[in-house]
N, C-alpha and C. Protein backbone atom coordinates (compact mmCIF):
# COMPACT_ATOMS: atom_id res chain seq x y z
N MET A 1 99.65 110.15 58.68
CA MET A 1 99.56 109.24 59.81
C MET A 1 98.12 109.19 60.31
N GLU A 2 97.68 108.01 60.66
CA GLU A 2 96.33 107.81 61.16
C GLU A 2 96.34 107.81 62.70
N ILE A 3 95.51 108.64 63.28
CA ILE A 3 95.39 108.73 64.74
C ILE A 3 94.09 108.05 65.16
N SER A 4 94.17 107.11 66.09
CA SER A 4 92.98 106.37 66.50
C SER A 4 92.17 107.15 67.54
N LEU A 5 90.91 106.78 67.65
CA LEU A 5 90.04 107.39 68.65
C LEU A 5 90.53 107.08 70.07
N GLU A 6 91.13 105.89 70.25
CA GLU A 6 91.65 105.51 71.57
C GLU A 6 92.78 106.45 71.99
N GLN A 7 93.65 106.80 71.03
CA GLN A 7 94.75 107.73 71.33
C GLN A 7 94.20 109.10 71.72
N ILE A 8 93.23 109.57 70.95
CA ILE A 8 92.62 110.88 71.23
C ILE A 8 91.95 110.86 72.60
N LYS A 9 91.22 109.78 72.88
CA LYS A 9 90.53 109.65 74.16
C LYS A 9 91.53 109.65 75.33
N GLU A 10 92.63 108.91 75.17
CA GLU A 10 93.64 108.84 76.24
C GLU A 10 94.27 110.21 76.50
N LEU A 11 94.58 110.93 75.41
CA LEU A 11 95.18 112.26 75.56
C LEU A 11 94.19 113.24 76.17
N ARG A 12 92.94 113.13 75.75
CA ARG A 12 91.90 114.02 76.30
C ARG A 12 91.71 113.78 77.80
N GLU A 13 91.74 112.51 78.21
CA GLU A 13 91.61 112.19 79.64
C GLU A 13 92.78 112.75 80.44
N LYS A 14 93.96 112.77 79.85
CA LYS A 14 95.15 113.28 80.55
C LYS A 14 95.17 114.80 80.62
N THR A 15 94.61 115.46 79.61
CA THR A 15 94.77 116.92 79.50
C THR A 15 93.48 117.72 79.58
N ALA A 16 92.34 117.11 79.32
CA ALA A 16 91.04 117.79 79.28
C ALA A 16 90.97 118.84 78.19
N VAL A 17 91.80 118.71 77.17
CA VAL A 17 91.80 119.63 76.02
C VAL A 17 90.81 119.08 74.99
N SER A 18 90.31 119.95 74.11
CA SER A 18 89.31 119.55 73.13
C SER A 18 89.81 118.41 72.23
N ILE A 19 88.87 117.68 71.66
CA ILE A 19 89.19 116.57 70.77
C ILE A 19 90.02 117.04 69.58
N ALA A 20 89.63 118.17 68.99
CA ALA A 20 90.36 118.70 67.83
C ALA A 20 91.80 119.04 68.19
N GLU A 21 92.00 119.67 69.35
CA GLU A 21 93.36 120.03 69.78
C GLU A 21 94.18 118.77 70.08
N CYS A 22 93.54 117.76 70.67
CA CYS A 22 94.22 116.50 70.95
C CYS A 22 94.69 115.84 69.66
N LYS A 23 93.81 115.85 68.66
CA LYS A 23 94.17 115.23 67.39
C LYS A 23 95.33 115.97 66.73
N LYS A 24 95.29 117.32 66.74
CA LYS A 24 96.39 118.12 66.18
C LYS A 24 97.70 117.82 66.89
N ALA A 25 97.64 117.74 68.22
CA ALA A 25 98.86 117.49 69.00
C ALA A 25 99.42 116.10 68.71
N LEU A 26 98.52 115.12 68.59
CA LEU A 26 98.97 113.76 68.28
C LEU A 26 99.60 113.68 66.89
N LEU A 27 99.01 114.38 65.94
CA LEU A 27 99.59 114.41 64.59
C LEU A 27 100.98 115.04 64.62
N GLU A 28 101.09 116.15 65.36
CA GLU A 28 102.38 116.85 65.47
C GLU A 28 103.42 115.99 66.18
N ALA A 29 102.97 115.16 67.13
CA ALA A 29 103.88 114.32 67.91
C ALA A 29 104.07 112.93 67.30
N GLY A 30 103.52 112.71 66.13
CA GLY A 30 103.68 111.42 65.47
C GLY A 30 102.99 110.28 66.19
N GLY A 31 101.90 110.59 66.90
CA GLY A 31 101.13 109.56 67.60
C GLY A 31 101.63 109.24 69.00
N ASP A 32 102.73 109.85 69.42
CA ASP A 32 103.30 109.62 70.75
C ASP A 32 102.55 110.46 71.79
N ILE A 33 101.88 109.79 72.73
CA ILE A 33 101.04 110.47 73.74
C ILE A 33 101.90 111.41 74.61
N THR A 34 103.04 110.95 75.06
CA THR A 34 103.90 111.77 75.93
C THR A 34 104.35 113.05 75.22
N LYS A 35 104.74 112.91 73.97
CA LYS A 35 105.16 114.10 73.20
C LYS A 35 103.96 115.01 72.94
N ALA A 36 102.79 114.43 72.74
CA ALA A 36 101.58 115.22 72.49
C ALA A 36 101.22 116.05 73.72
N VAL A 37 101.41 115.48 74.91
CA VAL A 37 101.16 116.23 76.15
C VAL A 37 102.09 117.44 76.19
N GLU A 38 103.36 117.24 75.84
CA GLU A 38 104.34 118.33 75.83
C GLU A 38 103.95 119.40 74.79
N VAL A 39 103.48 118.97 73.62
CA VAL A 39 103.03 119.91 72.59
C VAL A 39 101.89 120.77 73.14
N LEU A 40 100.94 120.13 73.82
CA LEU A 40 99.80 120.87 74.38
C LEU A 40 100.24 121.81 75.49
N ARG A 41 101.21 121.40 76.29
CA ARG A 41 101.72 122.29 77.35
C ARG A 41 102.37 123.52 76.75
N LYS A 42 103.14 123.34 75.68
CA LYS A 42 103.78 124.49 75.02
C LYS A 42 102.74 125.42 74.43
N LYS A 43 101.70 124.85 73.84
CA LYS A 43 100.62 125.68 73.30
C LYS A 43 99.91 126.44 74.42
N GLY A 44 99.80 125.81 75.58
CA GLY A 44 99.19 126.46 76.74
C GLY A 44 99.96 127.70 77.16
N ILE A 45 101.27 127.63 77.12
CA ILE A 45 102.11 128.78 77.46
C ILE A 45 101.91 129.89 76.43
N GLU A 46 101.87 129.52 75.15
CA GLU A 46 101.63 130.51 74.09
C GLU A 46 100.27 131.18 74.27
N THR A 47 99.26 130.37 74.57
CA THR A 47 97.90 130.89 74.79
C THR A 47 97.90 131.85 75.97
N ALA A 48 98.55 131.46 77.05
CA ALA A 48 98.61 132.30 78.25
C ALA A 48 99.28 133.64 77.93
N ASN A 49 100.35 133.61 77.17
CA ASN A 49 101.04 134.86 76.82
C ASN A 49 100.16 135.78 75.99
N ARG A 50 99.38 135.21 75.07
CA ARG A 50 98.47 136.03 74.24
C ARG A 50 97.35 136.64 75.07
N LYS A 51 96.89 135.93 76.07
CA LYS A 51 95.74 136.38 76.86
C LYS A 51 96.13 137.24 78.06
N ALA A 52 97.41 137.35 78.34
CA ALA A 52 97.89 138.01 79.56
C ALA A 52 97.46 139.48 79.67
N GLN A 53 97.19 140.13 78.58
CA GLN A 53 96.84 141.56 78.61
C GLN A 53 95.33 141.80 78.81
N ARG A 54 94.54 140.75 78.74
CA ARG A 54 93.10 140.92 78.87
C ARG A 54 92.71 141.15 80.32
N ASP A 55 91.67 141.97 80.54
CA ASP A 55 91.21 142.31 81.89
C ASP A 55 90.58 141.11 82.59
N VAL A 56 90.85 141.02 83.88
CA VAL A 56 90.23 140.00 84.72
C VAL A 56 89.38 140.70 85.77
N LYS A 57 88.05 140.55 85.64
CA LYS A 57 87.12 141.26 86.52
C LYS A 57 86.28 140.32 87.37
N GLU A 58 86.36 139.04 87.10
CA GLU A 58 85.60 138.04 87.84
C GLU A 58 86.57 137.12 88.57
N GLY A 59 86.05 136.16 89.29
CA GLY A 59 86.93 135.21 89.95
C GLY A 59 86.33 134.65 91.22
N ILE A 60 87.20 134.07 92.03
CA ILE A 60 86.77 133.45 93.27
C ILE A 60 87.81 133.71 94.36
N ILE A 61 87.37 133.51 95.58
CA ILE A 61 88.30 133.42 96.70
C ILE A 61 88.29 131.96 97.09
N ALA A 62 89.42 131.31 96.86
CA ALA A 62 89.53 129.89 97.15
C ALA A 62 90.18 129.72 98.52
N TYR A 63 89.84 128.64 99.18
CA TYR A 63 90.42 128.39 100.49
C TYR A 63 90.72 126.92 100.67
N TYR A 64 91.61 126.66 101.61
CA TYR A 64 91.92 125.29 101.99
C TYR A 64 92.26 125.30 103.47
N ILE A 65 91.65 124.39 104.22
CA ILE A 65 91.96 124.22 105.63
C ILE A 65 92.43 122.78 105.79
N HIS A 66 93.64 122.63 106.32
CA HIS A 66 94.22 121.29 106.49
C HIS A 66 93.39 120.47 107.47
N SER A 67 93.49 119.16 107.37
CA SER A 67 92.67 118.25 108.18
C SER A 67 92.87 118.42 109.68
N ASN A 68 94.01 118.97 110.11
CA ASN A 68 94.23 119.18 111.55
C ASN A 68 93.56 120.45 112.07
N ASN A 69 92.95 121.21 111.15
CA ASN A 69 92.27 122.48 111.48
C ASN A 69 93.19 123.50 112.16
N LYS A 70 94.48 123.40 111.91
CA LYS A 70 95.44 124.31 112.53
C LYS A 70 96.15 125.19 111.50
N VAL A 71 95.95 124.91 110.23
CA VAL A 71 96.58 125.71 109.19
C VAL A 71 95.63 125.79 107.99
N GLY A 72 95.57 126.97 107.38
CA GLY A 72 94.70 127.18 106.23
C GLY A 72 95.17 128.35 105.41
N ALA A 73 94.56 128.54 104.26
CA ALA A 73 94.94 129.65 103.38
C ALA A 73 93.74 130.09 102.54
N MET A 74 93.80 131.36 102.13
CA MET A 74 92.82 131.91 101.19
C MET A 74 93.60 132.57 100.05
N VAL A 75 93.08 132.42 98.84
CA VAL A 75 93.74 132.94 97.65
C VAL A 75 92.71 133.58 96.73
N GLU A 76 93.01 134.79 96.24
CA GLU A 76 92.16 135.41 95.21
C GLU A 76 92.64 134.90 93.85
N VAL A 77 91.70 134.41 93.04
CA VAL A 77 92.02 133.95 91.69
C VAL A 77 91.04 134.64 90.74
N PHE A 78 91.58 135.38 89.78
CA PHE A 78 90.75 136.17 88.88
C PHE A 78 90.70 135.57 87.48
N CYS A 79 89.55 135.79 86.81
CA CYS A 79 89.37 135.39 85.42
C CYS A 79 88.54 136.48 84.73
N GLU A 80 88.19 136.25 83.47
CA GLU A 80 87.49 137.28 82.70
C GLU A 80 85.97 137.25 82.87
N THR A 81 85.38 136.06 83.04
CA THR A 81 83.91 135.95 83.10
C THR A 81 83.46 135.11 84.28
N ASP A 82 82.23 135.31 84.72
CA ASP A 82 81.74 134.49 85.83
C ASP A 82 81.45 133.07 85.36
N PHE A 83 81.29 132.88 84.07
CA PHE A 83 81.12 131.53 83.52
C PHE A 83 82.35 130.69 83.84
N VAL A 84 83.54 131.23 83.60
CA VAL A 84 84.78 130.51 83.91
C VAL A 84 84.98 130.43 85.42
N ALA A 85 84.57 131.46 86.15
CA ALA A 85 84.72 131.43 87.61
C ALA A 85 83.98 130.25 88.23
N LYS A 86 82.95 129.75 87.53
CA LYS A 86 82.19 128.60 88.02
C LYS A 86 82.67 127.28 87.41
N ASN A 87 83.63 127.36 86.49
CA ASN A 87 84.16 126.19 85.80
C ASN A 87 84.92 125.30 86.79
N VAL A 88 84.75 124.00 86.68
CA VAL A 88 85.37 123.04 87.60
C VAL A 88 86.88 123.16 87.59
N ASP A 89 87.49 123.30 86.41
CA ASP A 89 88.95 123.41 86.32
C ASP A 89 89.45 124.66 87.04
N PHE A 90 88.71 125.76 86.90
CA PHE A 90 89.09 127.01 87.55
C PHE A 90 88.98 126.90 89.07
N VAL A 91 87.87 126.33 89.54
CA VAL A 91 87.66 126.16 90.98
C VAL A 91 88.72 125.22 91.56
N ASP A 92 89.02 124.14 90.84
CA ASP A 92 90.07 123.21 91.29
C ASP A 92 91.43 123.91 91.35
N LEU A 93 91.69 124.78 90.38
CA LEU A 93 92.94 125.54 90.40
C LEU A 93 93.01 126.39 91.66
N GLY A 94 91.93 127.07 91.98
CA GLY A 94 91.91 127.89 93.19
C GLY A 94 92.20 127.08 94.44
N ARG A 95 91.57 125.94 94.54
CA ARG A 95 91.81 125.08 95.71
C ARG A 95 93.25 124.58 95.73
N SER A 96 93.77 124.20 94.57
CA SER A 96 95.17 123.75 94.51
C SER A 96 96.13 124.86 94.91
N LEU A 97 95.82 126.09 94.51
CA LEU A 97 96.68 127.21 94.89
C LEU A 97 96.63 127.44 96.40
N ALA A 98 95.45 127.32 96.99
CA ALA A 98 95.33 127.47 98.44
C ALA A 98 96.11 126.36 99.16
N MET A 99 96.03 125.14 98.66
CA MET A 99 96.80 124.03 99.22
C MET A 99 98.30 124.31 99.09
N GLN A 100 98.70 124.87 97.96
CA GLN A 100 100.10 125.22 97.72
C GLN A 100 100.58 126.22 98.78
N VAL A 101 99.75 127.22 99.06
CA VAL A 101 100.11 128.24 100.06
C VAL A 101 100.27 127.60 101.44
N VAL A 102 99.38 126.68 101.78
CA VAL A 102 99.48 126.00 103.07
C VAL A 102 100.77 125.17 103.14
N ALA A 103 101.02 124.38 102.12
CA ALA A 103 102.15 123.44 102.15
C ALA A 103 103.51 124.09 101.93
N ALA A 104 103.58 125.03 100.99
CA ALA A 104 104.89 125.56 100.58
C ALA A 104 105.25 126.90 101.22
N LYS A 105 104.33 127.53 101.92
CA LYS A 105 104.57 128.78 102.65
C LYS A 105 105.27 129.86 101.81
N PRO A 106 104.71 130.24 100.66
CA PRO A 106 105.37 131.27 99.85
C PRO A 106 105.44 132.60 100.59
N LYS A 107 106.48 133.36 100.29
CA LYS A 107 106.68 134.66 100.94
C LYS A 107 106.24 135.82 100.05
N GLY A 108 105.87 135.51 98.80
CA GLY A 108 105.40 136.52 97.87
C GLY A 108 104.82 135.85 96.64
N LEU A 109 104.13 136.63 95.82
CA LEU A 109 103.53 136.08 94.60
C LEU A 109 104.59 135.82 93.54
N ASN A 110 105.45 136.82 93.30
CA ASN A 110 106.54 136.75 92.32
C ASN A 110 107.88 136.84 93.04
N PRO A 111 108.97 136.41 92.42
CA PRO A 111 110.28 136.51 93.07
C PRO A 111 110.63 137.93 93.52
N GLU A 112 110.23 138.93 92.73
CA GLU A 112 110.56 140.32 93.08
C GLU A 112 109.72 140.84 94.25
N ASP A 113 108.71 140.09 94.67
CA ASP A 113 107.86 140.51 95.79
C ASP A 113 108.44 140.15 97.16
N ILE A 114 109.48 139.34 97.19
CA ILE A 114 110.07 138.93 98.47
C ILE A 114 110.84 140.11 99.04
N SER A 115 110.60 140.39 100.30
CA SER A 115 111.13 141.61 100.94
C SER A 115 112.65 141.62 100.99
N ASP A 116 113.19 142.83 100.93
CA ASP A 116 114.64 143.02 101.02
C ASP A 116 115.16 142.52 102.36
N ALA A 117 114.40 142.73 103.43
CA ALA A 117 114.82 142.28 104.76
C ALA A 117 114.98 140.75 104.78
N GLU A 118 114.04 140.05 104.15
CA GLU A 118 114.10 138.59 104.07
C GLU A 118 115.32 138.16 103.27
N LEU A 119 115.58 138.85 102.17
CA LEU A 119 116.74 138.51 101.33
C LEU A 119 118.05 138.77 102.06
N GLU A 120 118.14 139.87 102.78
CA GLU A 120 119.36 140.20 103.52
C GLU A 120 119.63 139.13 104.58
N LYS A 121 118.58 138.68 105.24
CA LYS A 121 118.73 137.63 106.25
C LYS A 121 119.30 136.36 105.62
N GLU A 122 118.76 135.99 104.45
CA GLU A 122 119.24 134.80 103.74
C GLU A 122 120.68 134.99 103.25
N LYS A 123 121.00 136.18 102.76
CA LYS A 123 122.37 136.45 102.31
C LYS A 123 123.37 136.27 103.44
N ASP A 124 123.02 136.76 104.62
CA ASP A 124 123.91 136.62 105.78
C ASP A 124 124.16 135.15 106.10
N ILE A 125 123.09 134.35 106.04
CA ILE A 125 123.21 132.92 106.32
C ILE A 125 124.09 132.25 105.28
N TYR A 126 123.86 132.54 103.99
CA TYR A 126 124.65 131.95 102.91
C TYR A 126 126.11 132.37 103.00
N ARG A 127 126.34 133.65 103.27
CA ARG A 127 127.71 134.17 103.36
C ARG A 127 128.47 133.43 104.45
N GLU A 128 127.84 133.29 105.61
CA GLU A 128 128.49 132.62 106.73
C GLU A 128 128.78 131.15 106.41
N GLN A 129 127.82 130.48 105.78
CA GLN A 129 128.01 129.07 105.40
C GLN A 129 129.20 128.91 104.44
N LEU A 130 129.25 129.78 103.43
CA LEU A 130 130.31 129.68 102.43
C LEU A 130 131.68 130.03 103.00
N LEU A 131 131.74 131.03 103.86
CA LEU A 131 133.01 131.41 104.47
C LEU A 131 133.51 130.31 105.41
N LYS A 132 132.60 129.69 106.14
CA LYS A 132 132.98 128.58 107.03
C LYS A 132 133.49 127.39 106.22
N ALA A 133 132.99 127.25 105.00
CA ALA A 133 133.43 126.16 104.13
C ALA A 133 134.79 126.47 103.49
N GLY A 134 135.35 127.68 103.80
CA GLY A 134 136.67 128.05 103.31
C GLY A 134 136.70 128.58 101.90
N LYS A 135 135.60 129.06 101.39
CA LYS A 135 135.55 129.61 100.02
C LYS A 135 136.16 131.02 100.00
N PRO A 136 136.89 131.36 98.94
CA PRO A 136 137.44 132.72 98.81
C PRO A 136 136.31 133.76 98.66
N ALA A 137 136.58 134.98 99.09
CA ALA A 137 135.57 136.05 99.11
C ALA A 137 134.91 136.28 97.75
N GLU A 138 135.72 136.27 96.66
CA GLU A 138 135.13 136.53 95.33
C GLU A 138 134.19 135.41 94.89
N ILE A 139 134.50 134.18 95.30
CA ILE A 139 133.62 133.05 94.97
C ILE A 139 132.36 133.11 95.83
N VAL A 140 132.51 133.57 97.07
CA VAL A 140 131.37 133.68 97.98
C VAL A 140 130.31 134.60 97.39
N GLU A 141 130.73 135.75 96.86
CA GLU A 141 129.77 136.71 96.30
C GLU A 141 129.06 136.14 95.08
N LYS A 142 129.78 135.45 94.21
CA LYS A 142 129.16 134.84 93.02
C LYS A 142 128.19 133.73 93.42
N ALA A 143 128.62 132.90 94.37
CA ALA A 143 127.77 131.79 94.81
C ALA A 143 126.50 132.32 95.49
N MET A 144 126.64 133.43 96.22
CA MET A 144 125.48 134.01 96.89
C MET A 144 124.43 134.47 95.90
N LEU A 145 124.85 135.02 94.77
CA LEU A 145 123.90 135.45 93.75
C LEU A 145 123.01 134.28 93.31
N GLY A 146 123.64 133.16 93.04
CA GLY A 146 122.89 131.97 92.63
C GLY A 146 121.97 131.47 93.73
N LYS A 147 122.46 131.47 94.97
CA LYS A 147 121.66 131.00 96.10
C LYS A 147 120.46 131.92 96.35
N VAL A 148 120.67 133.23 96.23
CA VAL A 148 119.58 134.18 96.45
C VAL A 148 118.53 134.04 95.34
N THR A 149 118.98 133.87 94.10
CA THR A 149 118.05 133.68 92.98
C THR A 149 117.21 132.42 93.22
N LYS A 150 117.87 131.35 93.63
CA LYS A 150 117.15 130.10 93.91
C LYS A 150 116.17 130.28 95.08
N PHE A 151 116.60 130.99 96.12
CA PHE A 151 115.73 131.24 97.28
C PHE A 151 114.47 132.00 96.84
N LYS A 152 114.65 133.04 96.00
CA LYS A 152 113.51 133.82 95.54
C LYS A 152 112.54 132.95 94.73
N GLU A 153 113.10 132.11 93.87
CA GLU A 153 112.28 131.24 93.03
C GLU A 153 111.51 130.22 93.86
N GLU A 154 112.15 129.66 94.88
CA GLU A 154 111.52 128.65 95.71
C GLU A 154 110.50 129.24 96.69
N ASN A 155 110.56 130.55 96.91
CA ASN A 155 109.68 131.17 97.91
C ASN A 155 108.65 132.12 97.30
N ALA A 156 108.56 132.17 95.99
CA ALA A 156 107.52 132.94 95.31
C ALA A 156 106.47 131.95 94.80
N LEU A 157 105.22 132.21 95.08
CA LEU A 157 104.15 131.27 94.75
C LEU A 157 104.19 130.84 93.28
N LEU A 158 104.29 131.77 92.36
CA LEU A 158 104.19 131.43 90.94
C LEU A 158 105.37 130.62 90.41
N THR A 159 106.54 130.74 91.04
CA THR A 159 107.72 130.03 90.54
C THR A 159 108.09 128.81 91.39
N GLN A 160 107.29 128.52 92.42
CA GLN A 160 107.54 127.34 93.24
C GLN A 160 107.22 126.07 92.46
N ALA A 161 107.87 124.97 92.87
CA ALA A 161 107.50 123.66 92.34
C ALA A 161 106.09 123.35 92.85
N PHE A 162 105.23 122.87 91.96
CA PHE A 162 103.85 122.58 92.31
C PHE A 162 103.82 121.35 93.22
N ILE A 163 103.13 121.43 94.35
CA ILE A 163 103.16 120.35 95.34
C ILE A 163 102.61 119.03 94.82
N LYS A 164 101.67 119.09 93.89
CA LYS A 164 101.08 117.85 93.36
C LYS A 164 101.91 117.25 92.23
N ASP A 165 102.82 118.03 91.65
CA ASP A 165 103.70 117.56 90.57
C ASP A 165 104.96 118.42 90.60
N PRO A 166 105.95 118.08 91.46
CA PRO A 166 107.14 118.91 91.64
C PRO A 166 107.98 119.13 90.38
N SER A 167 107.72 118.38 89.31
CA SER A 167 108.48 118.59 88.07
C SER A 167 107.99 119.84 87.33
N ARG A 168 106.88 120.43 87.80
CA ARG A 168 106.30 121.61 87.15
C ARG A 168 106.19 122.75 88.15
N LYS A 169 106.17 123.97 87.63
CA LYS A 169 106.01 125.15 88.48
C LYS A 169 104.52 125.52 88.55
N VAL A 170 104.16 126.29 89.56
CA VAL A 170 102.78 126.71 89.74
C VAL A 170 102.29 127.47 88.50
N VAL A 171 103.13 128.34 87.93
CA VAL A 171 102.73 129.11 86.75
C VAL A 171 102.38 128.18 85.58
N ASP A 172 103.04 127.02 85.49
CA ASP A 172 102.72 126.06 84.42
C ASP A 172 101.31 125.52 84.59
N ILE A 173 100.91 125.28 85.83
CA ILE A 173 99.57 124.76 86.12
C ILE A 173 98.53 125.83 85.76
N ILE A 174 98.82 127.07 86.10
CA ILE A 174 97.91 128.18 85.77
C ILE A 174 97.79 128.30 84.25
N ASN A 175 98.92 128.24 83.54
CA ASN A 175 98.89 128.33 82.07
C ASN A 175 98.09 127.20 81.44
N GLU A 176 98.14 126.04 82.05
CA GLU A 176 97.37 124.90 81.55
C GLU A 176 95.87 125.18 81.66
N VAL A 177 95.44 125.78 82.77
CA VAL A 177 94.02 126.10 82.95
C VAL A 177 93.63 127.25 82.01
N ILE A 178 94.53 128.19 81.78
CA ILE A 178 94.27 129.26 80.79
C ILE A 178 94.00 128.63 79.42
N SER A 179 94.81 127.65 79.08
CA SER A 179 94.64 126.96 77.79
C SER A 179 93.29 126.25 77.72
N LYS A 180 92.88 125.63 78.81
CA LYS A 180 91.61 124.89 78.83
C LYS A 180 90.41 125.83 78.79
N THR A 181 90.47 126.93 79.56
CA THR A 181 89.30 127.80 79.68
C THR A 181 89.24 128.86 78.58
N GLY A 182 90.39 129.19 77.99
CA GLY A 182 90.43 130.22 76.96
C GLY A 182 90.38 131.63 77.51
N GLU A 183 90.60 131.78 78.82
CA GLU A 183 90.57 133.10 79.43
C GLU A 183 91.85 133.38 80.20
N ASN A 184 92.12 134.67 80.38
CA ASN A 184 93.24 135.09 81.20
C ASN A 184 92.92 134.76 82.66
N ILE A 185 93.91 134.30 83.39
CA ILE A 185 93.75 133.99 84.82
C ILE A 185 94.92 134.63 85.55
N LYS A 186 94.60 135.31 86.65
CA LYS A 186 95.65 135.92 87.47
C LYS A 186 95.39 135.58 88.93
N VAL A 187 96.49 135.49 89.66
CA VAL A 187 96.40 135.27 91.10
C VAL A 187 96.57 136.63 91.77
N GLY A 188 95.68 136.92 92.71
CA GLY A 188 95.76 138.18 93.44
C GLY A 188 96.48 137.97 94.76
N ARG A 189 95.86 138.41 95.82
CA ARG A 189 96.47 138.27 97.14
C ARG A 189 96.26 136.86 97.68
N PHE A 190 97.11 136.51 98.62
CA PHE A 190 96.91 135.26 99.34
C PHE A 190 97.35 135.47 100.78
N VAL A 191 96.77 134.66 101.66
CA VAL A 191 97.12 134.74 103.08
C VAL A 191 97.12 133.33 103.66
N ARG A 192 98.05 133.09 104.57
CA ARG A 192 98.18 131.78 105.22
C ARG A 192 98.00 131.98 106.72
N PHE A 193 97.18 131.13 107.33
CA PHE A 193 96.93 131.20 108.76
C PHE A 193 97.47 129.90 109.40
N GLU A 194 98.09 130.04 110.57
CA GLU A 194 98.56 128.85 111.27
C GLU A 194 98.47 129.06 112.76
N ILE A 195 97.96 128.05 113.46
CA ILE A 195 97.86 128.11 114.92
C ILE A 195 99.02 127.32 115.49
């Protein structure tokens, strides 16, 4: 199959991946741009998994202050080299993560980081809702497991829906930047301020 320069250019504009990788993805996807984007996203996840064990000693502290000057956030974002720490994609990722913290109010970095006290509070609310709806006790306990799992996923920064593209999770956006930069990227601490 022959892949045109226009197809490669369009895919590169959408993904910022190298020309060679764009061409490979288009060949694999039979020239379909949408499928090629998906191929590149899957490769990004594979790349992220391979790089996950590498040390991250550089990075930035990214921040975002909302236009009303009443809410803001700071996020530590780590990478392997200061070259990548100055990379536009990396800096944009940091800012996007800070915006995510402002907008989505995560309670922890990972689902397992959400406090037991917070989970117990949510369980009590869910239990009461389900019992008021007339559900039997055994169904209430099973339903609560699903609700608590969903609550943890929606309230952990890395597993939240990304505010700029809710069809994707924050970790997918990070993996995409790992694929572009070729380095391991980790999120450290974050803090949200609100007046």
